Amino acid sequence: MDKRKRKNQLKIYLTDEEKEVFEKKMKLANCKTMSHFLRKCVLEKEIYVVDLEPFRNLQWLLSNATNNINQIAKATNTTGVIYKNEIESMKKQIEKLSREIWQIHSLVLNKSKESSGD
């Protein structure tokens, strides 16, 4: 009777370039066999699904703030005058941007702690 624990075989096809990358990564992982490397990749590594929506919103906020700064700078250079409401508006945008960055930072930090088991 076959006492083999792992009875399911998988077969993959790679280009020469893919095989080269595979072998380099296998060597970096200190795996002697392809089977060991694949088990290590599949069974020990976490897979993350990243929601990029917060980054899109952050990019929009940053773009908006940058445009406003440029408009204020152009008006100030032209007239030599800067208005308090423009400064307040920019301050609010920068605060919102800072909150968004902090929220993303917190999410990434929490995910990192979850994956490390802390």
N, C-alpha and C. Protein backbone atom coordinates (compact mmCIF):
# COMPACT_ATOMS: atom_id res chain seq x y z
N MET A 1 0.83 -1.18 0.00
CA MET A 1 0.00 0.00 0.00
C MET A 1 0.88 1.26 0.00
N ASP A 2 0.47 2.26 -0.78
CA ASP A 2 1.24 3.49 -0.91
C ASP A 2 1.06 4.36 0.33
N LYS A 3 2.17 4.67 0.98
CA LYS A 3 2.12 5.48 2.20
C LYS A 3 2.37 6.95 1.92
N ARG A 4 2.38 7.32 0.68
CA ARG A 4 2.64 8.71 0.29
C ARG A 4 1.53 9.62 0.82
N LYS A 5 1.93 10.69 1.51
CA LYS A 5 0.96 11.65 2.07
C LYS A 5 0.38 12.54 0.98
N ARG A 6 1.24 13.00 0.10
CA ARG A 6 0.81 13.90 -0.98
C ARG A 6 0.64 13.07 -2.25
N LYS A 7 -0.60 12.92 -2.66
CA LYS A 7 -0.90 12.04 -3.80
C LYS A 7 -1.31 12.81 -5.05
N ASN A 8 -1.52 14.12 -4.93
CA ASN A 8 -1.99 14.91 -6.07
C ASN A 8 -0.84 15.64 -6.73
N GLN A 9 -0.67 15.38 -8.00
CA GLN A 9 0.42 15.98 -8.74
C GLN A 9 -0.12 17.12 -9.61
N LEU A 10 0.65 18.21 -9.67
CA LEU A 10 0.32 19.33 -10.54
C LEU A 10 1.42 19.49 -11.56
N LYS A 11 1.04 19.96 -12.74
CA LYS A 11 2.02 20.15 -13.80
C LYS A 11 1.81 21.55 -14.36
N ILE A 12 2.90 22.30 -14.55
CA ILE A 12 2.79 23.64 -15.12
C ILE A 12 3.75 23.78 -16.29
N TYR A 13 3.40 24.71 -17.18
CA TYR A 13 4.26 25.03 -18.32
C TYR A 13 4.73 26.47 -18.17
N LEU A 14 6.02 26.68 -18.38
CA LEU A 14 6.61 28.01 -18.25
C LEU A 14 7.44 28.33 -19.49
N THR A 15 7.53 29.62 -19.80
CA THR A 15 8.48 30.03 -20.84
C THR A 15 9.88 29.93 -20.24
N ASP A 16 10.89 30.06 -21.08
CA ASP A 16 12.26 30.02 -20.57
C ASP A 16 12.49 31.14 -19.55
N GLU A 17 11.95 32.32 -19.84
CA GLU A 17 12.11 33.46 -18.94
C GLU A 17 11.40 33.21 -17.61
N GLU A 18 10.19 32.69 -17.67
CA GLU A 18 9.44 32.38 -16.45
C GLU A 18 10.16 31.33 -15.61
N LYS A 19 10.72 30.34 -16.29
CA LYS A 19 11.44 29.27 -15.59
C LYS A 19 12.67 29.83 -14.88
N GLU A 20 13.33 30.76 -15.53
CA GLU A 20 14.50 31.39 -14.94
C GLU A 20 14.12 32.16 -13.67
N VAL A 21 13.03 32.93 -13.75
CA VAL A 21 12.55 33.68 -12.59
C VAL A 21 12.14 32.72 -11.47
N PHE A 22 11.44 31.66 -11.86
CA PHE A 22 11.00 30.65 -10.90
C PHE A 22 12.20 30.07 -10.15
N GLU A 23 13.21 29.69 -10.89
CA GLU A 23 14.39 29.07 -10.28
C GLU A 23 15.14 30.04 -9.37
N LYS A 24 15.21 31.31 -9.76
CA LYS A 24 15.87 32.32 -8.92
C LYS A 24 15.12 32.48 -7.60
N LYS A 25 13.78 32.56 -7.70
CA LYS A 25 12.98 32.72 -6.49
C LYS A 25 13.05 31.48 -5.60
N MET A 26 13.09 30.33 -6.22
CA MET A 26 13.20 29.08 -5.48
C MET A 26 14.53 29.06 -4.71
N LYS A 27 15.58 29.51 -5.36
CA LYS A 27 16.90 29.55 -4.72
C LYS A 27 16.90 30.56 -3.57
N LEU A 28 16.28 31.75 -3.79
CA LEU A 28 16.20 32.77 -2.74
C LEU A 28 15.42 32.26 -1.53
N ALA A 29 14.45 31.41 -1.76
CA ALA A 29 13.63 30.86 -0.68
C ALA A 29 14.31 29.67 0.00
N ASN A 30 15.52 29.33 -0.44
CA ASN A 30 16.26 28.19 0.11
C ASN A 30 15.49 26.88 0.00
N CYS A 31 14.82 26.69 -1.11
CA CYS A 31 14.08 25.45 -1.36
C CYS A 31 14.89 24.59 -2.32
N LYS A 32 15.05 23.33 -1.96
CA LYS A 32 15.83 22.42 -2.80
C LYS A 32 15.02 21.84 -3.94
N THR A 33 13.71 21.71 -3.75
CA THR A 33 12.88 21.11 -4.79
C THR A 33 11.74 22.05 -5.18
N MET A 34 11.26 21.83 -6.39
CA MET A 34 10.13 22.61 -6.88
C MET A 34 8.91 22.36 -6.00
N SER A 35 8.69 21.14 -5.59
CA SER A 35 7.55 20.80 -4.75
C SER A 35 7.59 21.56 -3.43
N HIS A 36 8.75 21.58 -2.82
CA HIS A 36 8.89 22.30 -1.55
C HIS A 36 8.61 23.79 -1.73
N PHE A 37 9.16 24.36 -2.79
CA PHE A 37 8.96 25.79 -3.06
C PHE A 37 7.48 26.11 -3.29
N LEU A 38 6.82 25.30 -4.10
CA LEU A 38 5.40 25.56 -4.38
C LEU A 38 4.54 25.40 -3.13
N ARG A 39 4.82 24.38 -2.34
CA ARG A 39 4.07 24.22 -1.08
C ARG A 39 4.29 25.42 -0.18
N LYS A 40 5.53 25.87 -0.11
CA LYS A 40 5.85 27.04 0.73
C LYS A 40 5.08 28.27 0.24
N CYS A 41 5.06 28.50 -1.06
CA CYS A 41 4.35 29.65 -1.63
C CYS A 41 2.85 29.56 -1.40
N VAL A 42 2.30 28.40 -1.60
CA VAL A 42 0.85 28.23 -1.52
C VAL A 42 0.37 28.15 -0.08
N LEU A 43 1.06 27.42 0.76
CA LEU A 43 0.55 27.14 2.10
C LEU A 43 1.00 28.14 3.17
N GLU A 44 2.13 28.81 2.94
CA GLU A 44 2.66 29.68 3.99
C GLU A 44 2.48 31.16 3.71
N LYS A 45 2.14 31.52 2.52
CA LYS A 45 2.05 32.94 2.16
C LYS A 45 0.60 33.39 2.17
N GLU A 46 0.41 34.63 2.66
CA GLU A 46 -0.92 35.22 2.66
C GLU A 46 -1.20 35.84 1.29
N ILE A 47 -2.45 35.85 0.91
CA ILE A 47 -2.87 36.52 -0.32
C ILE A 47 -3.76 37.68 0.09
N TYR A 48 -3.44 38.84 -0.40
CA TYR A 48 -4.18 40.05 -0.05
C TYR A 48 -4.92 40.59 -1.25
N VAL A 49 -6.13 41.01 -1.03
CA VAL A 49 -6.91 41.72 -2.04
C VAL A 49 -6.90 43.17 -1.61
N VAL A 50 -6.36 44.03 -2.46
CA VAL A 50 -6.19 45.43 -2.10
C VAL A 50 -7.26 46.27 -2.78
N ASP A 51 -8.00 47.00 -1.96
CA ASP A 51 -9.00 47.93 -2.47
C ASP A 51 -8.29 49.25 -2.75
N LEU A 52 -8.18 49.60 -4.02
CA LEU A 52 -7.45 50.81 -4.40
C LEU A 52 -8.29 52.08 -4.34
N GLU A 53 -9.56 51.95 -4.01
CA GLU A 53 -10.44 53.12 -3.98
C GLU A 53 -9.93 54.22 -3.04
N PRO A 54 -9.46 53.91 -1.82
CA PRO A 54 -8.93 54.98 -0.97
C PRO A 54 -7.76 55.72 -1.62
N PHE A 55 -6.96 55.00 -2.41
CA PHE A 55 -5.83 55.65 -3.07
C PHE A 55 -6.31 56.57 -4.20
N ARG A 56 -7.37 56.15 -4.89
CA ARG A 56 -7.93 57.01 -5.94
C ARG A 56 -8.46 58.30 -5.33
N ASN A 57 -9.17 58.16 -4.21
CA ASN A 57 -9.70 59.33 -3.52
C ASN A 57 -8.55 60.22 -3.03
N LEU A 58 -7.52 59.61 -2.50
CA LEU A 58 -6.35 60.34 -2.03
C LEU A 58 -5.68 61.09 -3.19
N GLN A 59 -5.58 60.44 -4.34
CA GLN A 59 -4.99 61.08 -5.51
C GLN A 59 -5.83 62.28 -5.94
N TRP A 60 -7.16 62.12 -5.90
CA TRP A 60 -8.04 63.23 -6.28
C TRP A 60 -7.86 64.39 -5.31
N LEU A 61 -7.82 64.10 -4.00
CA LEU A 61 -7.64 65.16 -3.00
C LEU A 61 -6.31 65.87 -3.19
N LEU A 62 -5.27 65.10 -3.45
CA LEU A 62 -3.94 65.69 -3.64
C LEU A 62 -3.91 66.56 -4.89
N SER A 63 -4.51 66.09 -5.96
CA SER A 63 -4.56 66.85 -7.20
C SER A 63 -5.34 68.15 -7.00
N ASN A 64 -6.46 68.05 -6.31
CA ASN A 64 -7.29 69.21 -6.05
C ASN A 64 -6.53 70.25 -5.20
N ALA A 65 -5.86 69.77 -4.15
CA ALA A 65 -5.09 70.68 -3.29
C ALA A 65 -3.95 71.33 -4.07
N THR A 66 -3.28 70.56 -4.90
CA THR A 66 -2.18 71.10 -5.70
C THR A 66 -2.67 72.17 -6.67
N ASN A 67 -3.78 71.90 -7.33
CA ASN A 67 -4.35 72.91 -8.24
C ASN A 67 -4.70 74.19 -7.50
N ASN A 68 -5.30 74.05 -6.33
CA ASN A 68 -5.66 75.25 -5.56
C ASN A 68 -4.43 76.03 -5.11
N ILE A 69 -3.38 75.32 -4.70
CA ILE A 69 -2.14 76.00 -4.31
C ILE A 69 -1.57 76.77 -5.49
N ASN A 70 -1.57 76.14 -6.66
CA ASN A 70 -1.06 76.82 -7.86
C ASN A 70 -1.88 78.06 -8.20
N GLN A 71 -3.20 77.97 -8.08
CA GLN A 71 -4.06 79.13 -8.37
C GLN A 71 -3.82 80.25 -7.37
N ILE A 72 -3.68 79.88 -6.09
CA ILE A 72 -3.41 80.90 -5.07
C ILE A 72 -2.04 81.53 -5.30
N ALA A 73 -1.05 80.72 -5.62
CA ALA A 73 0.29 81.25 -5.87
C ALA A 73 0.29 82.19 -7.06
N LYS A 74 -0.41 81.82 -8.13
CA LYS A 74 -0.48 82.66 -9.33
C LYS A 74 -1.17 84.00 -9.02
N ALA A 75 -2.29 83.92 -8.30
CA ALA A 75 -3.01 85.15 -7.94
C ALA A 75 -2.17 86.02 -7.01
N THR A 76 -1.49 85.41 -6.07
CA THR A 76 -0.66 86.16 -5.12
C THR A 76 0.51 86.82 -5.85
N ASN A 77 1.14 86.09 -6.76
CA ASN A 77 2.26 86.65 -7.52
C ASN A 77 1.80 87.80 -8.42
N THR A 78 0.58 87.71 -8.93
CA THR A 78 0.05 88.74 -9.82
C THR A 78 -0.37 89.99 -9.05
N THR A 79 -1.10 89.77 -7.94
CA THR A 79 -1.68 90.91 -7.20
C THR A 79 -0.90 91.29 -5.96
N GLY A 80 -0.09 90.36 -5.45
CA GLY A 80 0.61 90.61 -4.19
C GLY A 80 -0.30 90.46 -2.98
N VAL A 81 -1.52 89.94 -3.20
CA VAL A 81 -2.49 89.81 -2.12
C VAL A 81 -2.92 88.33 -2.01
N ILE A 82 -3.05 87.87 -0.77
CA ILE A 82 -3.60 86.55 -0.53
C ILE A 82 -4.75 86.71 0.47
N TYR A 83 -5.83 86.02 0.23
CA TYR A 83 -7.03 86.18 1.04
C TYR A 83 -7.11 85.09 2.11
N LYS A 84 -7.63 85.49 3.28
CA LYS A 84 -7.75 84.59 4.41
C LYS A 84 -8.62 83.37 4.06
N ASN A 85 -9.72 83.57 3.31
CA ASN A 85 -10.60 82.45 2.97
C ASN A 85 -9.89 81.43 2.07
N GLU A 86 -8.96 81.89 1.24
CA GLU A 86 -8.18 80.96 0.43
C GLU A 86 -7.27 80.10 1.31
N ILE A 87 -6.67 80.74 2.30
CA ILE A 87 -5.80 80.01 3.22
C ILE A 87 -6.62 79.00 4.02
N GLU A 88 -7.80 79.41 4.50
CA GLU A 88 -8.67 78.51 5.26
C GLU A 88 -9.12 77.33 4.41
N SER A 89 -9.46 77.60 3.16
CA SER A 89 -9.88 76.54 2.25
C SER A 89 -8.76 75.52 2.06
N MET A 90 -7.54 76.02 1.84
CA MET A 90 -6.39 75.14 1.67
C MET A 90 -6.13 74.34 2.95
N LYS A 91 -6.26 75.01 4.09
CA LYS A 91 -6.04 74.33 5.37
C LYS A 91 -7.01 73.17 5.53
N LYS A 92 -8.28 73.37 5.17
CA LYS A 92 -9.29 72.32 5.27
C LYS A 92 -8.95 71.16 4.32
N GLN A 93 -8.53 71.49 3.11
CA GLN A 93 -8.17 70.43 2.15
C GLN A 93 -6.97 69.63 2.64
N ILE A 94 -5.99 70.30 3.19
CA ILE A 94 -4.79 69.61 3.69
C ILE A 94 -5.16 68.74 4.89
N GLU A 95 -6.04 69.23 5.76
CA GLU A 95 -6.48 68.42 6.90
C GLU A 95 -7.22 67.17 6.43
N LYS A 96 -8.08 67.33 5.41
CA LYS A 96 -8.80 66.17 4.88
C LYS A 96 -7.83 65.17 4.26
N LEU A 97 -6.86 65.68 3.53
CA LEU A 97 -5.83 64.83 2.93
C LEU A 97 -5.05 64.09 4.01
N SER A 98 -4.71 64.77 5.07
CA SER A 98 -3.99 64.16 6.18
C SER A 98 -4.81 63.05 6.84
N ARG A 99 -6.11 63.28 7.01
CA ARG A 99 -6.98 62.25 7.59
C ARG A 99 -7.03 61.02 6.69
N GLU A 100 -7.15 61.24 5.38
CA GLU A 100 -7.18 60.12 4.43
C GLU A 100 -5.88 59.32 4.50
N ILE A 101 -4.76 60.01 4.53
CA ILE A 101 -3.46 59.33 4.61
C ILE A 101 -3.37 58.53 5.91
N TRP A 102 -3.81 59.12 7.02
CA TRP A 102 -3.76 58.43 8.30
C TRP A 102 -4.64 57.19 8.31
N GLN A 103 -5.83 57.28 7.69
CA GLN A 103 -6.73 56.13 7.63
C GLN A 103 -6.10 54.99 6.83
N ILE A 104 -5.50 55.32 5.70
CA ILE A 104 -4.83 54.30 4.88
C ILE A 104 -3.66 53.71 5.65
N HIS A 105 -2.90 54.55 6.31
CA HIS A 105 -1.77 54.08 7.12
C HIS A 105 -2.26 53.11 8.19
N SER A 106 -3.33 53.45 8.87
CA SER A 106 -3.88 52.58 9.91
C SER A 106 -4.35 51.25 9.35
N LEU A 107 -5.02 51.27 8.20
CA LEU A 107 -5.47 50.04 7.57
C LEU A 107 -4.30 49.12 7.23
N VAL A 108 -3.27 49.70 6.63
CA VAL A 108 -2.09 48.91 6.24
C VAL A 108 -1.40 48.35 7.48
N LEU A 109 -1.28 49.17 8.52
CA LEU A 109 -0.64 48.74 9.76
C LEU A 109 -1.43 47.59 10.40
N ASN A 110 -2.75 47.71 10.44
CA ASN A 110 -3.59 46.65 11.02
C ASN A 110 -3.47 45.36 10.22
N LYS A 111 -3.47 45.45 8.89
CA LYS A 111 -3.32 44.25 8.05
C LYS A 111 -1.96 43.60 8.30
N SER A 112 -0.94 44.44 8.45
CA SER A 112 0.40 43.93 8.70
C SER A 112 0.46 43.19 10.04
N LYS A 113 -0.19 43.73 11.06
CA LYS A 113 -0.20 43.09 12.38
C LYS A 113 -0.98 41.78 12.32
N GLU A 114 -2.11 41.78 11.58
CA GLU A 114 -2.92 40.56 11.44
C GLU A 114 -2.11 39.45 10.79
N SER A 115 -1.36 39.79 9.75
CA SER A 115 -0.63 38.76 9.02
C SER A 115 0.58 38.24 9.80
N SER A 116 1.11 39.08 10.70
CA SER A 116 2.26 38.62 11.48
C SER A 116 1.84 37.91 12.77
N GLY A 117 0.54 37.94 13.07
CA GLY A 117 0.05 37.22 14.23
C GLY A 117 0.15 37.98 15.52
N ASP A 118 0.46 39.27 15.47
CA ASP A 118 0.53 40.08 16.70
C ASP A 118 -0.82 40.38 17.28
